[in-house]
Amino acid sequence: MNQKKLSYLGLFAAVAIIFGYVESLIPFFAGIPGMKLGLANLAVLFILEKYTWKEAALVSVVRIIVIGFMFGNLFSILYSLAGAALSLTVMTLMKRFSGFSLLGISVAGGVSHNIGQLIIASLITMTSGLIYYAPALLISGVITGLLIGTLTNEVLKRIHF
């Protein structure tokens, strides 16, 4: 990996961490524990668009671990890793094998992130009762996916490297 690429990855990991911090300051309560806007995912989606899934995974793991230790706990890290793994897998497959725009890829990422977190929460708590959160999580995944996809498109228009 060359120095320029490593610098950009470090920069976007730092941006994701800052966005995670800013997001922790925003009171966002929709009645569902852990529901957030996902601003830090903007950096991951940007890296996925500019580089490959490997670099996006690296930035994602770094941001999850740092944000988790700073503002969360072991369970928040576990939930975030599960959501990010499924989300990145879905977004990578959609980018590679479909004609979806970045906005569509982002929406699929937002929805699959919430599904991944719901699956891991169900496994940890060993209860199927969490499925009642699914409709609200799917709707929030679409909304936040649209927001992050739109913001990423705007960033891509303005940053050239």
Protein backbone atom coordinates (compact mmCIF):
# COMPACT_ATOMS: atom_id res chain seq x y z
CA MET A 1 0.00 0.00 0.00
CA ASN A 2 1.51 3.32 -1.00
CA GLN A 3 1.85 6.27 1.35
CA LYS A 4 -0.74 8.43 -0.38
CA LYS A 5 -3.39 5.72 -0.15
CA LEU A 6 -2.50 5.01 3.48
CA SER A 7 -2.79 8.72 4.24
CA TYR A 8 -6.25 8.90 2.71
CA LEU A 9 -7.38 5.80 4.61
CA GLY A 10 -6.10 7.31 7.86
CA LEU A 11 -7.82 10.59 7.06
CA PHE A 12 -11.15 8.92 6.39
CA ALA A 13 -10.84 6.70 9.47
CA ALA A 14 -10.31 9.90 11.49
CA VAL A 15 -13.31 11.54 9.79
CA ALA A 16 -15.43 8.48 10.61
CA ILE A 17 -14.32 8.62 14.25
CA ILE A 18 -15.14 12.35 14.44
CA PHE A 19 -18.54 11.73 12.87
CA GLY A 20 -19.13 8.97 15.42
CA TYR A 21 -18.31 11.40 18.20
CA VAL A 22 -20.57 14.10 16.76
CA GLU A 23 -23.33 11.55 16.39
CA SER A 24 -22.98 10.55 20.05
CA LEU A 25 -23.72 14.19 20.96
CA ILE A 26 -26.94 14.30 18.95
CA PRO A 27 -29.90 13.16 21.03
CA PHE A 28 -31.68 10.76 18.72
CA PHE A 29 -34.40 8.67 20.30
CA ALA A 30 -36.88 6.81 18.18
CA GLY A 31 -37.93 4.25 20.77
CA ILE A 32 -35.48 1.64 19.57
CA PRO A 33 -32.21 1.11 21.43
CA GLY A 34 -29.08 1.86 19.43
CA MET A 35 -30.80 3.53 16.48
CA LYS A 36 -28.48 6.17 15.00
CA LEU A 37 -28.05 8.16 11.83
CA GLY A 38 -24.85 6.36 10.82
CA LEU A 39 -22.85 9.42 9.83
CA ALA A 40 -19.57 7.53 10.23
CA ASN A 41 -20.64 5.22 7.40
CA LEU A 42 -20.17 8.11 4.97
CA ALA A 43 -16.41 7.60 5.16
CA VAL A 44 -16.75 3.85 4.61
CA LEU A 45 -19.03 4.30 1.61
CA PHE A 46 -16.64 6.88 0.16
CA ILE A 47 -13.69 4.49 0.52
CA LEU A 48 -15.72 1.63 -0.99
CA GLU A 49 -16.44 3.83 -4.00
CA LYS A 50 -12.86 5.10 -4.42
CA TYR A 51 -10.90 1.95 -3.51
CA THR A 52 -11.92 -1.65 -2.76
CA TRP A 53 -13.90 -3.52 -0.14
CA LYS A 54 -10.64 -4.36 1.67
CA GLU A 55 -9.81 -0.74 2.36
CA ALA A 56 -13.43 0.00 3.26
CA ALA A 57 -13.37 -2.94 5.70
CA LEU A 58 -10.16 -1.64 7.27
CA VAL A 59 -11.60 1.84 7.79
CA SER A 60 -14.83 0.34 9.11
CA VAL A 61 -13.12 -1.92 11.65
CA VAL A 62 -10.83 0.88 12.86
CA ARG A 63 -13.75 3.27 13.33
CA ILE A 64 -15.90 0.66 15.09
CA ILE A 65 -13.19 -0.30 17.55
CA VAL A 66 -12.16 3.28 18.34
CA ILE A 67 -15.74 4.58 18.61
CA GLY A 68 -16.73 1.51 20.61
CA PHE A 69 -13.98 1.99 23.17
CA MET A 70 -14.58 5.74 23.39
CA PHE A 71 -18.38 5.89 23.48
CA GLY A 72 -19.68 2.35 23.85
CA ASN A 73 -18.84 -1.04 25.26
CA LEU A 74 -18.02 -4.56 24.14
CA PHE A 75 -21.59 -5.24 23.08
CA SER A 76 -21.82 -2.07 21.01
CA ILE A 77 -18.59 -3.10 19.25
CA LEU A 78 -20.00 -6.58 18.61
CA TYR A 79 -23.30 -5.22 17.26
CA SER A 80 -21.49 -2.71 15.07
CA LEU A 81 -19.08 -5.31 13.68
CA ALA A 82 -21.97 -7.63 12.81
CA GLY A 83 -23.91 -4.86 11.11
CA ALA A 84 -20.84 -3.55 9.29
CA ALA A 85 -19.81 -7.01 8.06
CA LEU A 86 -23.22 -7.74 6.54
CA SER A 87 -23.57 -4.20 5.23
CA LEU A 88 -20.16 -4.15 3.57
CA THR A 89 -20.75 -7.58 2.05
CA VAL A 90 -24.10 -6.52 0.57
CA MET A 91 -22.76 -3.19 -0.70
CA THR A 92 -19.70 -4.84 -2.26
CA LEU A 93 -21.83 -7.45 -4.04
CA MET A 94 -24.26 -4.80 -5.26
CA LYS A 95 -21.45 -2.60 -6.52
CA ARG A 96 -19.80 -5.47 -8.33
CA PHE A 97 -22.78 -7.33 -9.79
CA SER A 98 -25.58 -4.84 -10.28
CA GLY A 99 -26.40 -1.61 -11.96
CA PHE A 100 -27.45 0.13 -8.75
CA SER A 101 -26.36 3.69 -8.11
CA LEU A 102 -24.42 4.70 -5.04
CA LEU A 103 -27.71 5.78 -3.49
CA GLY A 104 -29.23 2.31 -3.96
CA ILE A 105 -26.06 0.68 -2.63
CA SER A 106 -26.17 2.94 0.42
CA VAL A 107 -29.82 2.11 1.14
CA ALA A 108 -29.06 -1.60 0.89
CA GLY A 109 -26.11 -1.05 3.22
CA GLY A 110 -28.25 0.79 5.77
CA VAL A 111 -30.95 -1.89 5.74
CA SER A 112 -28.49 -4.78 5.88
CA HIS A 113 -26.55 -3.10 8.71
CA ASN A 114 -29.73 -3.03 10.79
CA ILE A 115 -30.54 -6.64 9.88
CA GLY A 116 -27.04 -7.71 10.92
CA GLN A 117 -27.44 -5.98 14.27
CA LEU A 118 -30.87 -7.51 14.78
CA ILE A 119 -29.51 -11.00 14.05
CA ILE A 120 -26.62 -10.65 16.50
CA ALA A 121 -28.91 -9.15 19.16
CA SER A 122 -31.29 -12.09 18.76
CA LEU A 123 -28.40 -14.54 19.08
CA ILE A 124 -26.96 -12.82 22.15
CA THR A 125 -30.27 -12.50 23.96
CA MET A 126 -31.54 -15.84 22.63
CA THR A 127 -34.97 -14.40 21.98
CA SER A 128 -37.00 -14.04 18.84
CA GLY A 129 -38.99 -11.17 20.36
CA LEU A 130 -36.60 -8.65 18.87
CA ILE A 131 -38.13 -9.30 15.46
CA TYR A 132 -40.78 -6.74 16.39
CA TYR A 133 -38.13 -4.06 15.92
CA ALA A 134 -37.57 -5.15 12.30
CA PRO A 135 -40.12 -2.89 10.57
CA ALA A 136 -38.83 0.25 12.29
CA LEU A 137 -35.22 -0.79 11.68
CA LEU A 138 -35.88 -1.45 8.00
CA ILE A 139 -37.54 1.95 7.58
CA SER A 140 -34.70 3.69 9.43
CA GLY A 141 -32.18 1.79 7.28
CA VAL A 142 -33.83 3.15 4.13
CA ILE A 143 -33.97 6.70 5.47
CA THR A 144 -30.40 6.76 6.79
CA GLY A 145 -29.17 4.97 3.66
CA LEU A 146 -30.71 7.70 1.52
CA LEU A 147 -29.14 10.38 3.71
CA ILE A 148 -25.66 8.81 3.74
CA GLY A 149 -25.81 8.00 0.03
CA THR A 150 -26.79 11.57 -0.84
CA LEU A 151 -24.06 13.03 1.36
CA THR A 152 -21.47 10.63 -0.10
CA ASN A 153 -22.45 11.63 -3.64
CA GLU A 154 -21.92 15.27 -2.69
CA VAL A 155 -18.52 14.53 -1.13
CA LEU A 156 -17.48 12.55 -4.23
CA LYS A 157 -18.32 15.57 -6.42
CA ARG A 158 -16.08 17.80 -4.33
CA ILE A 159 -13.08 15.61 -3.45
CA HIS A 160 -10.88 14.46 -6.29
CA PHE A 161 -7.82 12.28 -5.83
